[in-house]
Amino acid sequence: YGRLSVMTQYYCSVAPVLTVPPGAFKPPPKVDSAVVRLIPH
């Protein structure tokens, strides 16, 4: 929780959709990824 959480939630509702492993990309990043849905209030 931080500044990004507070300001994002002021503007939007936040819903994580799915997690994506590095192998889904070329070149693979060094971190896991995720898809998020943001709906402005």
PDB file of all heavy atoms in Angstrom:
ATOM      1  N   TYR A   1       0.838  -1.208   0.000  1.00  0.00           N
ATOM      2  CA  TYR A   1       0.000   0.000   0.000  1.00  0.00           C
ATOM      3  C   TYR A   1       0.868   1.251   0.000  1.00  0.00           C
ATOM      4  O   TYR A   1       1.823   1.362   0.776  1.00  0.00           O
ATOM      5  CB  TYR A   1      -0.878  -0.023   1.245  1.00  0.00           C
ATOM      6  CG  TYR A   1      -1.890   1.090   1.387  1.00  0.00           C
ATOM      7  CD1 TYR A   1      -2.978   1.194   0.524  1.00  0.00           C
ATOM      8  CD2 TYR A   1      -1.781   2.021   2.413  1.00  0.00           C
ATOM      9  CE1 TYR A   1      -3.939   2.188   0.681  1.00  0.00           C
ATOM     10  CE2 TYR A   1      -2.729   3.020   2.584  1.00  0.00           C
ATOM     11  CZ  TYR A   1      -3.799   3.100   1.715  1.00  0.00           C
ATOM     12  OH  TYR A   1      -4.747   4.093   1.882  1.00  0.00           O
ATOM     13  N   GLY A   2       0.549   2.192  -0.903  1.00  0.00           N
ATOM     14  CA  GLY A   2       1.334   3.414  -0.986  1.00  0.00           C
ATOM     15  C   GLY A   2       0.619   4.475  -1.795  1.00  0.00           C
ATOM     16  O   GLY A   2      -0.593   4.400  -2.035  1.00  0.00           O
ATOM     17  N   ARG A   3       1.395   5.455  -2.237  1.00  0.00           N
ATOM     18  CA  ARG A   3       0.835   6.578  -3.002  1.00  0.00           C
ATOM     19  C   ARG A   3       0.074   6.091  -4.231  1.00  0.00           C
ATOM     20  O   ARG A   3      -1.013   6.577  -4.541  1.00  0.00           O
ATOM     21  CB  ARG A   3       1.975   7.502  -3.419  1.00  0.00           C
ATOM     22  CG  ARG A   3       1.624   8.535  -4.480  1.00  0.00           C
ATOM     23  CD  ARG A   3       2.834   9.427  -4.748  1.00  0.00           C
ATOM     24  NE  ARG A   3       2.642  10.276  -5.915  1.00  0.00           N
ATOM     25  CZ  ARG A   3       3.129  10.018  -7.123  1.00  0.00           C
ATOM     26  NH1 ARG A   3       3.850   8.918  -7.323  1.00  0.00           N
ATOM     27  NH2 ARG A   3       2.926  10.837  -8.125  1.00  0.00           N
ATOM     28  N   LEU A   4       0.650   5.107  -4.938  1.00  0.00           N
ATOM     29  CA  LEU A   4       0.003   4.594  -6.146  1.00  0.00           C
ATOM     30  C   LEU A   4      -1.347   3.960  -5.806  1.00  0.00           C
ATOM     31  O   LEU A   4      -2.329   4.139  -6.543  1.00  0.00           O
ATOM     32  CB  LEU A   4       0.919   3.577  -6.836  1.00  0.00           C
ATOM     33  CG  LEU A   4       0.419   3.003  -8.156  1.00  0.00           C
ATOM     34  CD1 LEU A   4       0.229   4.099  -9.198  1.00  0.00           C
ATOM     35  CD2 LEU A   4       1.397   1.944  -8.682  1.00  0.00           C
ATOM     36  N   SER A   5      -1.423   3.244  -4.690  1.00  0.00           N
ATOM     37  CA  SER A   5      -2.687   2.615  -4.260  1.00  0.00           C
ATOM     38  C   SER A   5      -3.752   3.681  -4.007  1.00  0.00           C
ATOM     39  O   SER A   5      -4.887   3.589  -4.504  1.00  0.00           O
ATOM     40  CB  SER A   5      -2.481   1.808  -2.968  1.00  0.00           C
ATOM     41  OG  SER A   5      -1.289   1.093  -2.967  1.00  0.00           O
ATOM     42  N   VAL A   6      -3.382   4.694  -3.214  1.00  0.00           N
ATOM     43  CA  VAL A   6      -4.341   5.731  -2.808  1.00  0.00           C
ATOM     44  C   VAL A   6      -4.864   6.486  -4.027  1.00  0.00           C
ATOM     45  O   VAL A   6      -6.079   6.651  -4.197  1.00  0.00           O
ATOM     46  CB  VAL A   6      -3.698   6.715  -1.804  1.00  0.00           C
ATOM     47  CG1 VAL A   6      -4.681   7.836  -1.458  1.00  0.00           C
ATOM     48  CG2 VAL A   6      -3.276   5.987  -0.538  1.00  0.00           C
ATOM     49  N   MET A   7      -3.953   6.938  -4.896  1.00  0.00           N
ATOM     50  CA  MET A   7      -4.383   7.760  -6.024  1.00  0.00           C
ATOM     51  C   MET A   7      -5.153   6.936  -7.056  1.00  0.00           C
ATOM     52  O   MET A   7      -6.137   7.412  -7.625  1.00  0.00           O
ATOM     53  CB  MET A   7      -3.176   8.442  -6.667  1.00  0.00           C
ATOM     54  CG  MET A   7      -2.482   9.465  -5.784  1.00  0.00           C
ATOM     55  SD  MET A   7      -3.623  10.674  -5.004  1.00  0.00           S
ATOM     56  CE  MET A   7      -4.468  11.353  -6.444  1.00  0.00           C
ATOM     57  N   THR A   8      -4.725   5.693  -7.287  1.00  0.00           N
ATOM     58  CA  THR A   8      -5.455   4.845  -8.232  1.00  0.00           C
ATOM     59  C   THR A   8      -6.871   4.607  -7.735  1.00  0.00           C
ATOM     60  O   THR A   8      -7.847   4.701  -8.496  1.00  0.00           O
ATOM     61  CB  THR A   8      -4.736   3.504  -8.424  1.00  0.00           C
ATOM     62  OG1 THR A   8      -3.425   3.747  -8.945  1.00  0.00           O
ATOM     63  CG2 THR A   8      -5.502   2.603  -9.389  1.00  0.00           C
ATOM     64  N   GLN A   9      -7.011   4.319  -6.444  1.00  0.00           N
ATOM     65  CA  GLN A   9      -8.335   4.007  -5.898  1.00  0.00           C
ATOM     66  C   GLN A   9      -9.213   5.250  -5.769  1.00  0.00           C
ATOM     67  O   GLN A   9     -10.444   5.133  -5.694  1.00  0.00           O
ATOM     68  CB  GLN A   9      -8.168   3.276  -4.570  1.00  0.00           C
ATOM     69  CG  GLN A   9      -7.589   1.877  -4.760  1.00  0.00           C
ATOM     70  CD  GLN A   9      -7.075   1.239  -3.493  1.00  0.00           C
ATOM     71  OE1 GLN A   9      -7.613   1.457  -2.404  1.00  0.00           O
ATOM     72  NE2 GLN A   9      -6.015   0.446  -3.608  1.00  0.00           N
ATOM     73  N   TYR A  10      -8.588   6.430  -5.761  1.00  0.00           N
ATOM     74  CA  TYR A  10      -9.379   7.662  -5.830  1.00  0.00           C
ATOM     75  C   TYR A  10     -10.055   7.767  -7.199  1.00  0.00           C
ATOM     76  O   TYR A  10     -11.220   8.143  -7.305  1.00  0.00           O
ATOM     77  CB  TYR A  10      -8.499   8.898  -5.595  1.00  0.00           C
ATOM     78  CG  TYR A  10      -9.220  10.192  -5.875  1.00  0.00           C
ATOM     79  CD1 TYR A  10     -10.204  10.671  -5.004  1.00  0.00           C
ATOM     80  CD2 TYR A  10      -8.967  10.921  -7.037  1.00  0.00           C
ATOM     81  CE1 TYR A  10     -10.905  11.844  -5.278  1.00  0.00           C
ATOM     82  CE2 TYR A  10      -9.661  12.090  -7.316  1.00  0.00           C
ATOM     83  CZ  TYR A  10     -10.616  12.549  -6.428  1.00  0.00           C
ATOM     84  OH  TYR A  10     -11.316  13.700  -6.708  1.00  0.00           O
ATOM     85  N   TYR A  11      -9.318   7.394  -8.242  1.00  0.00           N
ATOM     86  CA  TYR A  11      -9.843   7.532  -9.604  1.00  0.00           C
ATOM     87  C   TYR A  11     -10.640   6.318 -10.088  1.00  0.00           C
ATOM     88  O   TYR A  11     -11.572   6.462 -10.879  1.00  0.00           O
ATOM     89  CB  TYR A  11      -8.693   7.760 -10.592  1.00  0.00           C
ATOM     90  CG  TYR A  11      -8.093   9.137 -10.559  1.00  0.00           C
ATOM     91  CD1 TYR A  11      -6.862   9.366  -9.960  1.00  0.00           C
ATOM     92  CD2 TYR A  11      -8.747  10.217 -11.131  1.00  0.00           C
ATOM     93  CE1 TYR A  11      -6.296  10.635  -9.931  1.00  0.00           C
ATOM     94  CE2 TYR A  11      -8.191  11.496 -11.112  1.00  0.00           C
ATOM     95  CZ  TYR A  11      -6.973  11.701 -10.521  1.00  0.00           C
ATOM     96  OH  TYR A  11      -6.426  12.960 -10.479  1.00  0.00           O
ATOM     97  N   CYS A  12     -10.263   5.116  -9.644  1.00  0.00           N
ATOM     98  CA  CYS A  12     -10.789   3.895 -10.264  1.00  0.00           C
ATOM     99  C   CYS A  12     -11.071   2.786  -9.255  1.00  0.00           C
ATOM    100  O   CYS A  12     -10.448   2.730  -8.192  1.00  0.00           O
ATOM    101  CB  CYS A  12      -9.760   3.315 -11.254  1.00  0.00           C
ATOM    102  SG  CYS A  12      -9.199   4.398 -12.559  1.00  0.00           S
ATOM    103  N   SER A  13     -11.952   1.876  -9.650  1.00  0.00           N
ATOM    104  CA  SER A  13     -12.022   0.588  -8.965  1.00  0.00           C
ATOM    105  C   SER A  13     -10.979  -0.314  -9.616  1.00  0.00           C
ATOM    106  O   SER A  13     -10.714  -0.219 -10.819  1.00  0.00           O
ATOM    107  CB  SER A  13     -13.416  -0.028  -9.072  1.00  0.00           C
ATOM    108  OG  SER A  13     -13.722  -0.355 -10.410  1.00  0.00           O
ATOM    109  N   VAL A  14     -10.362  -1.192  -8.817  1.00  0.00           N
ATOM    110  CA  VAL A  14      -9.224  -1.997  -9.271  1.00  0.00           C
ATOM    111  C   VAL A  14      -9.564  -3.477  -9.134  1.00  0.00           C
ATOM    112  O   VAL A  14      -9.958  -3.929  -8.056  1.00  0.00           O
ATOM    113  CB  VAL A  14      -7.965  -1.677  -8.432  1.00  0.00           C
ATOM    114  CG1 VAL A  14      -6.770  -2.485  -8.926  1.00  0.00           C
ATOM    115  CG2 VAL A  14      -7.661  -0.179  -8.452  1.00  0.00           C
ATOM    116  N   ALA A  15      -9.384  -4.243 -10.211  1.00  0.00           N
ATOM    117  CA  ALA A  15      -9.653  -5.684 -10.161  1.00  0.00           C
ATOM    118  C   ALA A  15      -8.547  -6.446 -10.882  1.00  0.00           C
ATOM    119  O   ALA A  15      -8.456  -6.384 -12.115  1.00  0.00           O
ATOM    120  CB  ALA A  15     -11.007  -5.995 -10.795  1.00  0.00           C
ATOM    121  N   PRO A  16      -7.666  -7.158 -10.156  1.00  0.00           N
ATOM    122  CA  PRO A  16      -6.686  -8.026 -10.824  1.00  0.00           C
ATOM    123  C   PRO A  16      -7.416  -9.100 -11.635  1.00  0.00           C
ATOM    124  O   PRO A  16      -8.423  -9.644 -11.183  1.00  0.00           O
ATOM    125  CB  PRO A  16      -5.908  -8.641  -9.656  1.00  0.00           C
ATOM    126  CG  PRO A  16      -6.106  -7.679  -8.514  1.00  0.00           C
ATOM    127  CD  PRO A  16      -7.505  -7.150  -8.690  1.00  0.00           C
ATOM    128  N   VAL A  17      -6.916  -9.406 -12.837  1.00  0.00           N
ATOM    129  CA  VAL A  17      -7.589 -10.342 -13.744  1.00  0.00           C
ATOM    130  C   VAL A  17      -6.855 -11.676 -13.809  1.00  0.00           C
ATOM    131  O   VAL A  17      -7.446 -12.726 -13.626  1.00  0.00           O
ATOM    132  CB  VAL A  17      -7.730  -9.728 -15.155  1.00  0.00           C
ATOM    133  CG1 VAL A  17      -8.332 -10.743 -16.129  1.00  0.00           C
ATOM    134  CG2 VAL A  17      -8.589  -8.466 -15.111  1.00  0.00           C
ATOM    135  N   LEU A  18      -5.547 -11.663 -14.096  1.00  0.00           N
ATOM    136  CA  LEU A  18      -4.784 -12.910 -14.119  1.00  0.00           C
ATOM    137  C   LEU A  18      -3.290 -12.625 -14.001  1.00  0.00           C
ATOM    138  O   LEU A  18      -2.826 -11.528 -14.320  1.00  0.00           O
ATOM    139  CB  LEU A  18      -5.050 -13.722 -15.389  1.00  0.00           C
ATOM    140  CG  LEU A  18      -4.453 -13.253 -16.721  1.00  0.00           C
ATOM    141  CD1 LEU A  18      -4.190 -14.463 -17.617  1.00  0.00           C
ATOM    142  CD2 LEU A  18      -5.398 -12.309 -17.463  1.00  0.00           C
ATOM    143  N   THR A  19      -2.561 -13.641 -13.514  1.00  0.00           N
ATOM    144  CA  THR A  19      -1.104 -13.561 -13.400  1.00  0.00           C
ATOM    145  C   THR A  19      -0.483 -14.187 -14.646  1.00  0.00           C
ATOM    146  O   THR A  19      -0.996 -15.180 -15.166  1.00  0.00           O
ATOM    147  CB  THR A  19      -0.622 -14.296 -12.139  1.00  0.00           C
ATOM    148  OG1 THR A  19      -1.208 -13.676 -10.998  1.00  0.00           O
ATOM    149  CG2 THR A  19       0.885 -14.233 -11.997  1.00  0.00           C
ATOM    150  N   VAL A  20       0.616 -13.592 -15.112  1.00  0.00           N
ATOM    151  CA  VAL A  20       1.255 -14.053 -16.354  1.00  0.00           C
ATOM    152  C   VAL A  20       2.737 -14.327 -16.077  1.00  0.00           C
ATOM    153  O   VAL A  20       3.457 -13.447 -15.616  1.00  0.00           O
ATOM    154  CB  VAL A  20       1.121 -12.976 -17.461  1.00  0.00           C
ATOM    155  CG1 VAL A  20       1.748 -13.473 -18.757  1.00  0.00           C
ATOM    156  CG2 VAL A  20      -0.350 -12.614 -17.685  1.00  0.00           C
ATOM    157  N   PRO A  21       3.214 -15.554 -16.359  1.00  0.00           N
ATOM    158  CA  PRO A  21       4.622 -15.895 -16.086  1.00  0.00           C
ATOM    159  C   PRO A  21       5.561 -15.269 -17.116  1.00  0.00           C
ATOM    160  O   PRO A  21       5.136 -14.922 -18.230  1.00  0.00           O
ATOM    161  CB  PRO A  21       4.633 -17.422 -16.196  1.00  0.00           C
ATOM    162  CG  PRO A  21       3.520 -17.736 -17.157  1.00  0.00           C
ATOM    163  CD  PRO A  21       2.457 -16.700 -16.909  1.00  0.00           C
ATOM    164  N   PRO A  22       6.858 -15.138 -16.780  1.00  0.00           N
ATOM    165  CA  PRO A  22       7.832 -14.544 -17.705  1.00  0.00           C
ATOM    166  C   PRO A  22       7.890 -15.241 -19.059  1.00  0.00           C
ATOM    167  O   PRO A  22       8.116 -14.600 -20.089  1.00  0.00           O
ATOM    168  CB  PRO A  22       9.164 -14.685 -16.955  1.00  0.00           C
ATOM    169  CG  PRO A  22       8.794 -14.723 -15.513  1.00  0.00           C
ATOM    170  CD  PRO A  22       7.477 -15.450 -15.460  1.00  0.00           C
ATOM    171  N   GLY A  23       7.682 -16.567 -19.066  1.00  0.00           N
ATOM    172  CA  GLY A  23       7.791 -17.328 -20.302  1.00  0.00           C
ATOM    173  C   GLY A  23       6.760 -16.978 -21.357  1.00  0.00           C
ATOM    174  O   GLY A  23       6.876 -17.402 -22.509  1.00  0.00           O
ATOM    175  N   ALA A  24       5.753 -16.178 -21.002  1.00  0.00           N
ATOM    176  CA  ALA A  24       4.736 -15.764 -21.971  1.00  0.00           C
ATOM    177  C   ALA A  24       5.248 -14.665 -22.894  1.00  0.00           C
ATOM    178  O   ALA A  24       4.565 -14.274 -23.834  1.00  0.00           O
ATOM    179  CB  ALA A  24       3.474 -15.295 -21.245  1.00  0.00           C
ATOM    180  N   PHE A  25       6.461 -14.150 -22.613  1.00  0.00           N
ATOM    181  CA  PHE A  25       7.025 -13.035 -23.379  1.00  0.00           C
ATOM    182  C   PHE A  25       8.333 -13.429 -24.049  1.00  0.00           C
ATOM    183  O   PHE A  25       9.050 -14.323 -23.593  1.00  0.00           O
ATOM    184  CB  PHE A  25       7.330 -11.850 -22.448  1.00  0.00           C
ATOM    185  CG  PHE A  25       6.150 -11.298 -21.705  1.00  0.00           C
ATOM    186  CD1 PHE A  25       5.817 -11.807 -20.454  1.00  0.00           C
ATOM    187  CD2 PHE A  25       5.398 -10.260 -22.229  1.00  0.00           C
ATOM    188  CE1 PHE A  25       4.750 -11.295 -19.747  1.00  0.00           C
ATOM    189  CE2 PHE A  25       4.332  -9.738 -21.525  1.00  0.00           C
ATOM    190  CZ  PHE A  25       3.998 -10.249 -20.286  1.00  0.00           C
ATOM    191  N   LYS A  26       8.663 -12.703 -25.116  1.00  0.00           N
ATOM    192  CA  LYS A  26       9.987 -12.755 -25.722  1.00  0.00           C
ATOM    193  C   LYS A  26      10.487 -11.320 -25.852  1.00  0.00           C
ATOM    194  O   LYS A  26       9.816 -10.516 -26.491  1.00  0.00           O
ATOM    195  CB  LYS A  26       9.933 -13.419 -27.097  1.00  0.00           C
ATOM    196  CG  LYS A  26       9.673 -14.913 -27.037  1.00  0.00           C
ATOM    197  CD  LYS A  26       9.717 -15.526 -28.422  1.00  0.00           C
ATOM    198  CE  LYS A  26       9.427 -17.044 -28.355  1.00  0.00           C
ATOM    199  NZ  LYS A  26       9.390 -17.644 -29.698  1.00  0.00           N
ATOM    200  N   PRO A  27      11.670 -10.993 -25.296  1.00  0.00           N
ATOM    201  CA  PRO A  27      12.419 -11.799 -24.320  1.00  0.00           C
ATOM    202  C   PRO A  27      11.667 -11.866 -22.997  1.00  0.00           C
ATOM    203  O   PRO A  27      10.911 -10.936 -22.678  1.00  0.00           O
ATOM    204  CB  PRO A  27      13.731 -11.015 -24.170  1.00  0.00           C
ATOM    205  CG  PRO A  27      13.354  -9.604 -24.461  1.00  0.00           C
ATOM    206  CD  PRO A  27      12.303  -9.684 -25.534  1.00  0.00           C
ATOM    207  N   PRO A  28      11.844 -12.931 -22.208  1.00  0.00           N
ATOM    208  CA  PRO A  28      11.128 -13.020 -20.935  1.00  0.00           C
ATOM    209  C   PRO A  28      11.635 -11.983 -19.944  1.00  0.00           C
ATOM    210  O   PRO A  28      12.851 -11.832 -19.785  1.00  0.00           O
ATOM    211  CB  PRO A  28      11.433 -14.440 -20.446  1.00  0.00           C
ATOM    212  CG  PRO A  28      12.672 -14.839 -21.175  1.00  0.00           C
ATOM    213  CD  PRO A  28      12.668 -14.124 -22.476  1.00  0.00           C
ATOM    214  N   PRO A  29      10.753 -11.233 -19.295  1.00  0.00           N
ATOM    215  CA  PRO A  29      11.197 -10.308 -18.252  1.00  0.00           C
ATOM    216  C   PRO A  29      11.662 -11.092 -17.034  1.00  0.00           C
ATOM    217  O   PRO A  29      11.453 -12.299 -16.941  1.00  0.00           O
ATOM    218  CB  PRO A  29       9.934  -9.495 -17.941  1.00  0.00           C
ATOM    219  CG  PRO A  29       8.802 -10.394 -18.316  1.00  0.00           C
ATOM    220  CD  PRO A  29       9.287 -11.224 -19.464  1.00  0.00           C
ATOM    221  N   LYS A  30      12.292 -10.409 -16.089  1.00  0.00           N
ATOM    222  CA  LYS A  30      12.830 -11.078 -14.901  1.00  0.00           C
ATOM    223  C   LYS A  30      11.807 -11.157 -13.771  1.00  0.00           C
ATOM    224  O   LYS A  30      12.136 -11.601 -12.673  1.00  0.00           O
ATOM    225  CB  LYS A  30      14.085 -10.341 -14.431  1.00  0.00           C
ATOM    226  CG  LYS A  30      15.222 -10.418 -15.437  1.00  0.00           C
ATOM    227  CD  LYS A  30      16.433  -9.632 -14.983  1.00  0.00           C
ATOM    228  CE  LYS A  30      17.546  -9.708 -16.025  1.00  0.00           C
ATOM    229  NZ  LYS A  30      18.726  -8.905 -15.647  1.00  0.00           N
ATOM    230  N   VAL A  31      10.586 -10.706 -14.045  1.00  0.00           N
ATOM    231  CA  VAL A  31       9.548 -10.674 -13.010  1.00  0.00           C
ATOM    232  C   VAL A  31       8.242 -11.250 -13.550  1.00  0.00           C
ATOM    233  O   VAL A  31       8.046 -11.341 -14.755  1.00  0.00           O
ATOM    234  CB  VAL A  31       9.296  -9.224 -12.523  1.00  0.00           C
ATOM    235  CG1 VAL A  31      10.517  -8.673 -11.820  1.00  0.00           C
ATOM    236  CG2 VAL A  31       8.902  -8.321 -13.697  1.00  0.00           C
ATOM    237  N   ASP A  32       7.359 -11.651 -12.642  1.00  0.00           N
ATOM    238  CA  ASP A  32       6.008 -12.045 -13.039  1.00  0.00           C
ATOM    239  C   ASP A  32       5.214 -10.805 -13.449  1.00  0.00           C
ATOM    240  O   ASP A  32       5.480  -9.691 -12.973  1.00  0.00           O
ATOM    241  CB  ASP A  32       5.287 -12.733 -11.875  1.00  0.00           C
ATOM    242  CG  ASP A  32       5.736 -14.166 -11.679  1.00  0.00           C
ATOM    243  OD1 ASP A  32       6.303 -14.745 -12.621  1.00  0.00           O
ATOM    244  OD2 ASP A  32       5.525 -14.713 -10.584  1.00  0.00           O
ATOM    245  N   SER A  33       4.247 -11.029 -14.308  1.00  0.00           N
ATOM    246  CA  SER A  33       3.374  -9.955 -14.757  1.00  0.00           C
ATOM    247  C   SER A  33       1.943 -10.267 -14.347  1.00  0.00           C
ATOM    248  O   SER A  33       1.643 -11.365 -13.875  1.00  0.00           O
ATOM    249  CB  SER A  33       3.467  -9.792 -16.286  1.00  0.00           C
ATOM    250  OG  SER A  33       4.798  -9.585 -16.686  1.00  0.00           O
ATOM    251  N   ALA A  34       1.059  -9.303 -14.521  1.00  0.00           N
ATOM    252  CA  ALA A  34      -0.350  -9.525 -14.220  1.00  0.00           C
ATOM    253  C   ALA A  34      -1.185  -8.547 -15.029  1.00  0.00           C
ATOM    254  O   ALA A  34      -0.721  -7.468 -15.411  1.00  0.00           O
ATOM    255  CB  ALA A  34      -0.626  -9.349 -12.725  1.00  0.00           C
ATOM    256  N   VAL A  35      -2.410  -8.952 -15.287  1.00  0.00           N
ATOM    257  CA  VAL A  35      -3.366  -8.076 -15.979  1.00  0.00           C
ATOM    258  C   VAL A  35      -4.326  -7.504 -14.947  1.00  0.00           C
ATOM    259  O   VAL A  35      -4.790  -8.215 -14.049  1.00  0.00           O
ATOM    260  CB  VAL A  35      -4.144  -8.862 -17.058  1.00  0.00           C
ATOM    261  CG1 VAL A  35      -5.187  -7.971 -17.731  1.00  0.00           C
ATOM    262  CG2 VAL A  35      -3.185  -9.435 -18.103  1.00  0.00           C
ATOM    263  N   VAL A  36      -4.603  -6.221 -15.087  1.00  0.00           N
ATOM    264  CA  VAL A  36      -5.505  -5.544 -14.151  1.00  0.00           C
ATOM    265  C   VAL A  36      -6.591  -4.806 -14.929  1.00  0.00           C
ATOM    266  O   VAL A  36      -6.351  -4.320 -16.038  1.00  0.00           O
ATOM    267  CB  VAL A  36      -4.721  -4.555 -13.243  1.00  0.00           C
ATOM    268  CG1 VAL A  36      -4.144  -3.396 -14.053  1.00  0.00           C
ATOM    269  CG2 VAL A  36      -5.570  -4.051 -12.099  1.00  0.00           C
ATOM    270  N   ARG A  37      -7.782  -4.760 -14.342  1.00  0.00           N
ATOM    271  CA  ARG A  37      -8.888  -3.977 -14.907  1.00  0.00           C
ATOM    272  C   ARG A  37      -9.121  -2.759 -14.017  1.00  0.00           C
ATOM    273  O   ARG A  37      -9.318  -2.900 -12.802  1.00  0.00           O
ATOM    274  CB  ARG A  37     -10.167  -4.817 -14.983  1.00  0.00           C
ATOM    275  CG  ARG A  37     -11.390  -4.043 -15.512  1.00  0.00           C
ATOM    276  CD  ARG A  37     -12.655  -4.892 -15.463  1.00  0.00           C
ATOM    277  NE  ARG A  37     -12.607  -5.989 -16.413  1.00  0.00           N
ATOM    278  CZ  ARG A  37     -12.652  -7.285 -16.089  1.00  0.00           C
ATOM    279  NH1 ARG A  37     -12.720  -7.649 -14.801  1.00  0.00           N
ATOM    280  NH2 ARG A  37     -12.607  -8.212 -17.020  1.00  0.00           N
ATOM    281  N   LEU A  38      -9.089  -1.573 -14.611  1.00  0.00           N
ATOM    282  CA  LEU A  38      -9.341  -0.326 -13.902  1.00  0.00           C
ATOM    283  C   LEU A  38     -10.590   0.324 -14.490  1.00  0.00           C
ATOM    284  O   LEU A  38     -10.667   0.555 -15.694  1.00  0.00           O
ATOM    285  CB  LEU A  38      -8.151   0.631 -14.054  1.00  0.00           C
ATOM    286  CG  LEU A  38      -6.785   0.118 -13.607  1.00  0.00           C
ATOM    287  CD1 LEU A  38      -5.686   1.107 -14.006  1.00  0.00           C
ATOM    288  CD2 LEU A  38      -6.761  -0.110 -12.098  1.00  0.00           C
ATOM    289  N   ILE A  39     -11.568   0.610 -13.631  1.00  0.00           N
ATOM    290  CA  ILE A  39     -12.811   1.243 -14.089  1.00  0.00           C
ATOM    291  C   ILE A  39     -12.959   2.584 -13.377  1.00  0.00           C
ATOM    292  O   ILE A  39     -13.148   2.621 -12.156  1.00  0.00           O
ATOM    293  CB  ILE A  39     -14.037   0.351 -13.803  1.00  0.00           C
ATOM    294  CG1 ILE A  39     -13.879  -1.017 -14.475  1.00  0.00           C
ATOM    295  CG2 ILE A  39     -15.316   1.036 -14.280  1.00  0.00           C
ATOM    296  CD1 ILE A  39     -15.001  -1.989 -14.174  1.00  0.00           C
ATOM    297  N   PRO A  40     -12.825   3.698 -14.112  1.00  0.00           N
ATOM    298  CA  PRO A  40     -12.968   5.010 -13.477  1.00  0.00           C
ATOM    299  C   PRO A  40     -14.312   5.148 -12.767  1.00  0.00           C
ATOM    300  O   PRO A  40     -15.352   4.722 -13.284  1.00  0.00           O
ATOM    301  CB  PRO A  40     -12.864   5.980 -14.654  1.00  0.00           C
ATOM    302  CG  PRO A  40     -12.009   5.256 -15.660  1.00  0.00           C
ATOM    303  CD  PRO A  40     -12.435   3.817 -15.531  1.00  0.00           C
ATOM    304  N   HIS A  41     -14.293   5.732 -11.572  1.00  0.00           N
ATOM    305  CA  HIS A  41     -15.517   5.940 -10.810  1.00  0.00           C
ATOM    306  C   HIS A  41     -16.417   6.952 -11.524  1.00  0.00           C
ATOM    307  O   HIS A  41     -15.925   7.950 -12.070  1.00  0.00           O
ATOM    308  CB  HIS A  41     -15.198   6.484  -9.417  1.00  0.00           C
ATOM    309  CG  HIS A  41     -14.366   5.571  -8.572  1.00  0.00           C
ATOM    310  ND1 HIS A  41     -14.768   4.295  -8.222  1.00  0.00           N
ATOM    311  CD2 HIS A  41     -13.144   5.751  -7.983  1.00  0.00           C
ATOM    312  CE1 HIS A  41     -13.840   3.738  -7.467  1.00  0.00           C
ATOM    313  NE2 HIS A  41     -12.845   4.590  -7.306  1.00  0.00           N
TER     314      HIS A  41
END
